[in-house]
């Protein structure tokens, strides 16, 4: 992924539930509606928590990939 694939980034590596989602909640408000936030995390619980966060708050989970011990999400901010 290049920086042209997303507009902002949140590095939550080394943090554990509930910190990644709490940081995501704060950081997504800095992203304009329709723009993409890239989230990198190492906590496996994010595979459950981030999709639920997106569904509950109306954001689009564009992609989720696992690279080694990292979970990488692209989230398009909803209105």
N, C-alpha and C. Protein backbone atom coordinates (compact mmCIF):
# COMPACT_ATOMS: atom_id res chain seq x y z
N UNK A 1 0.83 -1.18 0.00
CA UNK A 1 0.00 0.00 0.00
C UNK A 1 0.87 1.25 0.00
N UNK A 2 0.51 2.18 -0.82
CA UNK A 2 1.24 3.45 -0.84
C UNK A 2 0.41 4.51 -0.11
N UNK A 3 1.03 5.64 0.16
CA UNK A 3 0.32 6.71 0.86
C UNK A 3 -0.81 7.27 0.02
N UNK A 4 -0.83 7.00 -1.27
CA UNK A 4 -1.93 7.48 -2.10
C UNK A 4 -3.20 6.65 -1.88
N UNK A 5 -3.09 5.52 -1.21
CA UNK A 5 -4.24 4.67 -0.94
C UNK A 5 -5.04 5.13 0.28
N UNK A 6 -4.50 6.05 1.05
CA UNK A 6 -5.18 6.52 2.25
C UNK A 6 -4.79 7.96 2.53
N UNK A 7 -5.59 8.61 3.35
CA UNK A 7 -5.41 10.04 3.62
C UNK A 7 -4.78 10.32 4.98
N UNK A 8 -4.91 9.40 5.92
CA UNK A 8 -4.36 9.56 7.27
C UNK A 8 -4.06 8.18 7.83
N UNK A 9 -3.28 8.15 8.90
CA UNK A 9 -2.87 6.87 9.47
C UNK A 9 -2.92 6.91 10.99
N UNK A 10 -3.24 5.75 11.56
CA UNK A 10 -3.21 5.56 13.01
C UNK A 10 -2.39 4.30 13.28
N UNK A 11 -1.32 4.45 14.04
CA UNK A 11 -0.48 3.32 14.43
C UNK A 11 -0.84 2.93 15.85
N UNK A 12 -1.52 1.79 16.00
CA UNK A 12 -1.93 1.30 17.32
C UNK A 12 -1.15 0.04 17.69
N UNK A 13 0.01 -0.14 17.09
CA UNK A 13 0.83 -1.32 17.37
C UNK A 13 1.27 -1.32 18.83
N UNK A 14 1.20 -2.50 19.45
CA UNK A 14 1.63 -2.65 20.83
C UNK A 14 0.55 -2.31 21.85
N UNK A 15 -0.59 -1.83 21.38
CA UNK A 15 -1.69 -1.49 22.29
C UNK A 15 -2.71 -2.61 22.31
N UNK A 16 -3.40 -2.75 23.43
CA UNK A 16 -4.37 -3.82 23.59
C UNK A 16 -5.74 -3.24 23.93
N UNK A 17 -6.75 -4.04 23.64
CA UNK A 17 -8.15 -3.68 23.87
C UNK A 17 -8.31 -3.09 25.27
N UNK A 18 -8.96 -1.95 25.34
CA UNK A 18 -9.76 -1.24 24.34
C UNK A 18 -9.02 -0.07 23.66
N UNK A 19 -7.72 0.07 23.91
CA UNK A 19 -6.99 1.24 23.42
C UNK A 19 -7.05 1.46 21.91
N UNK A 20 -6.85 0.44 21.06
CA UNK A 20 -6.89 0.71 19.61
C UNK A 20 -8.21 1.33 19.15
N UNK A 21 -9.33 0.82 19.65
CA UNK A 21 -10.63 1.36 19.23
C UNK A 21 -10.87 2.74 19.84
N UNK A 22 -10.40 2.97 21.04
CA UNK A 22 -10.52 4.31 21.64
C UNK A 22 -9.73 5.33 20.82
N UNK A 23 -8.53 4.95 20.41
CA UNK A 23 -7.73 5.84 19.57
C UNK A 23 -8.37 6.03 18.21
N UNK A 24 -8.94 4.97 17.65
CA UNK A 24 -9.62 5.05 16.37
C UNK A 24 -10.80 6.02 16.46
N UNK A 25 -11.55 5.93 17.52
CA UNK A 25 -12.70 6.81 17.71
C UNK A 25 -12.27 8.27 17.70
N UNK A 26 -11.16 8.56 18.32
CA UNK A 26 -10.64 9.93 18.36
C UNK A 26 -10.07 10.35 17.00
N UNK A 27 -9.31 9.48 16.38
CA UNK A 27 -8.59 9.81 15.14
C UNK A 27 -9.53 9.94 13.94
N UNK A 28 -10.59 9.14 13.88
CA UNK A 28 -11.48 9.19 12.72
C UNK A 28 -12.15 10.56 12.60
N UNK A 29 -12.31 11.26 13.71
CA UNK A 29 -12.93 12.59 13.66
C UNK A 29 -12.03 13.62 13.00
N UNK A 30 -10.74 13.31 12.89
CA UNK A 30 -9.79 14.22 12.21
C UNK A 30 -9.79 14.02 10.70
N UNK A 31 -10.47 12.98 10.23
CA UNK A 31 -10.50 12.63 8.81
C UNK A 31 -11.82 13.15 8.23
N UNK A 32 -11.76 13.79 7.08
CA UNK A 32 -12.96 14.31 6.44
C UNK A 32 -13.85 13.16 5.97
N UNK A 33 -15.17 13.36 5.98
CA UNK A 33 -16.07 12.32 5.47
C UNK A 33 -15.68 11.91 4.05
N UNK A 34 -15.68 10.60 3.81
CA UNK A 34 -15.32 10.06 2.50
C UNK A 34 -13.83 9.76 2.34
N UNK A 35 -13.02 10.26 3.25
CA UNK A 35 -11.57 10.02 3.18
C UNK A 35 -11.23 8.73 3.90
N UNK A 36 -10.02 8.21 3.63
CA UNK A 36 -9.59 6.91 4.13
C UNK A 36 -8.57 7.05 5.26
N UNK A 37 -8.81 6.33 6.34
CA UNK A 37 -7.88 6.23 7.46
C UNK A 37 -7.29 4.82 7.45
N UNK A 38 -5.98 4.75 7.50
CA UNK A 38 -5.28 3.46 7.59
C UNK A 38 -4.94 3.21 9.06
N UNK A 39 -5.32 2.06 9.56
CA UNK A 39 -5.05 1.68 10.94
C UNK A 39 -4.16 0.45 10.93
N UNK A 40 -3.07 0.52 11.70
CA UNK A 40 -2.17 -0.62 11.87
C UNK A 40 -2.22 -1.01 13.34
N UNK A 41 -2.48 -2.29 13.60
CA UNK A 41 -2.60 -2.77 14.98
C UNK A 41 -1.95 -4.14 15.09
N UNK A 42 -1.63 -4.52 16.33
CA UNK A 42 -1.07 -5.85 16.59
C UNK A 42 -1.98 -6.69 17.49
N UNK A 43 -3.02 -6.09 18.01
CA UNK A 43 -3.94 -6.79 18.90
C UNK A 43 -4.95 -7.59 18.07
N UNK A 44 -4.97 -8.92 18.19
CA UNK A 44 -5.91 -9.73 17.42
C UNK A 44 -7.38 -9.38 17.67
N UNK A 45 -7.70 -8.80 18.82
CA UNK A 45 -9.10 -8.45 19.10
C UNK A 45 -9.61 -7.36 18.16
N UNK A 46 -8.69 -6.66 17.48
CA UNK A 46 -9.14 -5.64 16.53
C UNK A 46 -9.88 -6.27 15.35
N UNK A 47 -9.63 -7.55 15.07
CA UNK A 47 -10.32 -8.21 13.96
C UNK A 47 -11.82 -8.32 14.24
N UNK A 48 -12.18 -8.26 15.48
CA UNK A 48 -13.58 -8.25 15.89
C UNK A 48 -14.06 -6.82 16.16
N UNK A 49 -13.24 -6.06 16.86
CA UNK A 49 -13.66 -4.73 17.34
C UNK A 49 -13.77 -3.68 16.24
N UNK A 50 -12.83 -3.65 15.31
CA UNK A 50 -12.84 -2.60 14.29
C UNK A 50 -14.01 -2.78 13.31
N UNK A 51 -14.30 -3.99 12.82
CA UNK A 51 -15.50 -4.12 11.98
C UNK A 51 -16.79 -3.71 12.71
N UNK A 52 -16.90 -4.05 13.99
CA UNK A 52 -18.08 -3.65 14.77
C UNK A 52 -18.13 -2.14 14.94
N UNK A 53 -17.00 -1.52 15.19
CA UNK A 53 -16.91 -0.07 15.31
C UNK A 53 -17.44 0.58 14.03
N UNK A 54 -16.96 0.10 12.87
CA UNK A 54 -17.37 0.66 11.59
C UNK A 54 -18.87 0.49 11.36
N UNK A 55 -19.36 -0.69 11.62
CA UNK A 55 -20.78 -0.98 11.41
C UNK A 55 -21.65 -0.10 12.32
N UNK A 56 -21.27 0.00 13.57
CA UNK A 56 -22.06 0.74 14.55
C UNK A 56 -22.08 2.24 14.26
N UNK A 57 -20.95 2.79 13.80
CA UNK A 57 -20.84 4.24 13.60
C UNK A 57 -20.97 4.68 12.15
N UNK A 58 -21.24 3.74 11.24
CA UNK A 58 -21.52 4.11 9.86
C UNK A 58 -20.31 4.41 9.00
N UNK A 59 -19.17 3.81 9.34
CA UNK A 59 -17.98 3.95 8.52
C UNK A 59 -17.84 2.68 7.67
N UNK A 60 -17.14 2.80 6.54
CA UNK A 60 -16.96 1.65 5.65
C UNK A 60 -15.60 1.00 5.87
N UNK A 61 -15.59 -0.28 6.19
CA UNK A 61 -14.35 -1.03 6.28
C UNK A 61 -13.99 -1.45 4.86
N UNK A 62 -13.08 -0.71 4.25
CA UNK A 62 -12.72 -0.92 2.85
C UNK A 62 -11.91 -2.20 2.70
N UNK A 63 -10.95 -2.42 3.59
CA UNK A 63 -10.15 -3.64 3.53
C UNK A 63 -9.55 -3.96 4.88
N UNK A 64 -9.20 -5.22 5.03
CA UNK A 64 -8.52 -5.72 6.23
C UNK A 64 -7.56 -6.80 5.77
N UNK A 65 -6.29 -6.60 6.04
CA UNK A 65 -5.28 -7.61 5.70
C UNK A 65 -4.41 -7.88 6.91
N UNK A 66 -3.87 -9.08 6.95
CA UNK A 66 -2.91 -9.45 7.98
C UNK A 66 -1.55 -9.60 7.33
N UNK A 67 -0.56 -8.91 7.89
CA UNK A 67 0.81 -9.01 7.40
C UNK A 67 1.69 -9.36 8.60
N UNK A 68 2.07 -10.61 8.68
CA UNK A 68 2.85 -11.05 9.84
C UNK A 68 2.01 -10.91 11.10
N UNK A 69 2.52 -10.15 12.06
CA UNK A 69 1.78 -9.95 13.32
C UNK A 69 0.98 -8.65 13.31
N UNK A 70 0.84 -8.02 12.14
CA UNK A 70 0.10 -6.77 12.04
C UNK A 70 -1.23 -6.96 11.33
N UNK A 71 -2.21 -6.21 11.78
CA UNK A 71 -3.53 -6.16 11.18
C UNK A 71 -3.68 -4.76 10.60
N UNK A 72 -3.95 -4.68 9.31
CA UNK A 72 -4.01 -3.38 8.63
C UNK A 72 -5.41 -3.19 8.08
N UNK A 73 -6.01 -2.06 8.44
CA UNK A 73 -7.38 -1.74 8.05
C UNK A 73 -7.40 -0.44 7.27
N UNK A 74 -8.23 -0.39 6.25
CA UNK A 74 -8.53 0.86 5.56
C UNK A 74 -10.00 1.15 5.83
N UNK A 75 -10.25 2.31 6.42
CA UNK A 75 -11.60 2.69 6.83
C UNK A 75 -11.97 4.00 6.16
N UNK A 76 -13.09 3.98 5.43
CA UNK A 76 -13.59 5.22 4.82
C UNK A 76 -14.57 5.85 5.80
N UNK A 77 -14.28 7.09 6.19
CA UNK A 77 -15.15 7.76 7.16
C UNK A 77 -16.51 8.02 6.55
N UNK A 78 -17.54 7.70 7.32
CA UNK A 78 -18.90 7.96 6.91
C UNK A 78 -19.28 9.41 7.19
N UNK A 79 -20.48 9.74 6.83
CA UNK A 79 -20.99 11.10 7.05
C UNK A 79 -21.23 11.26 8.52
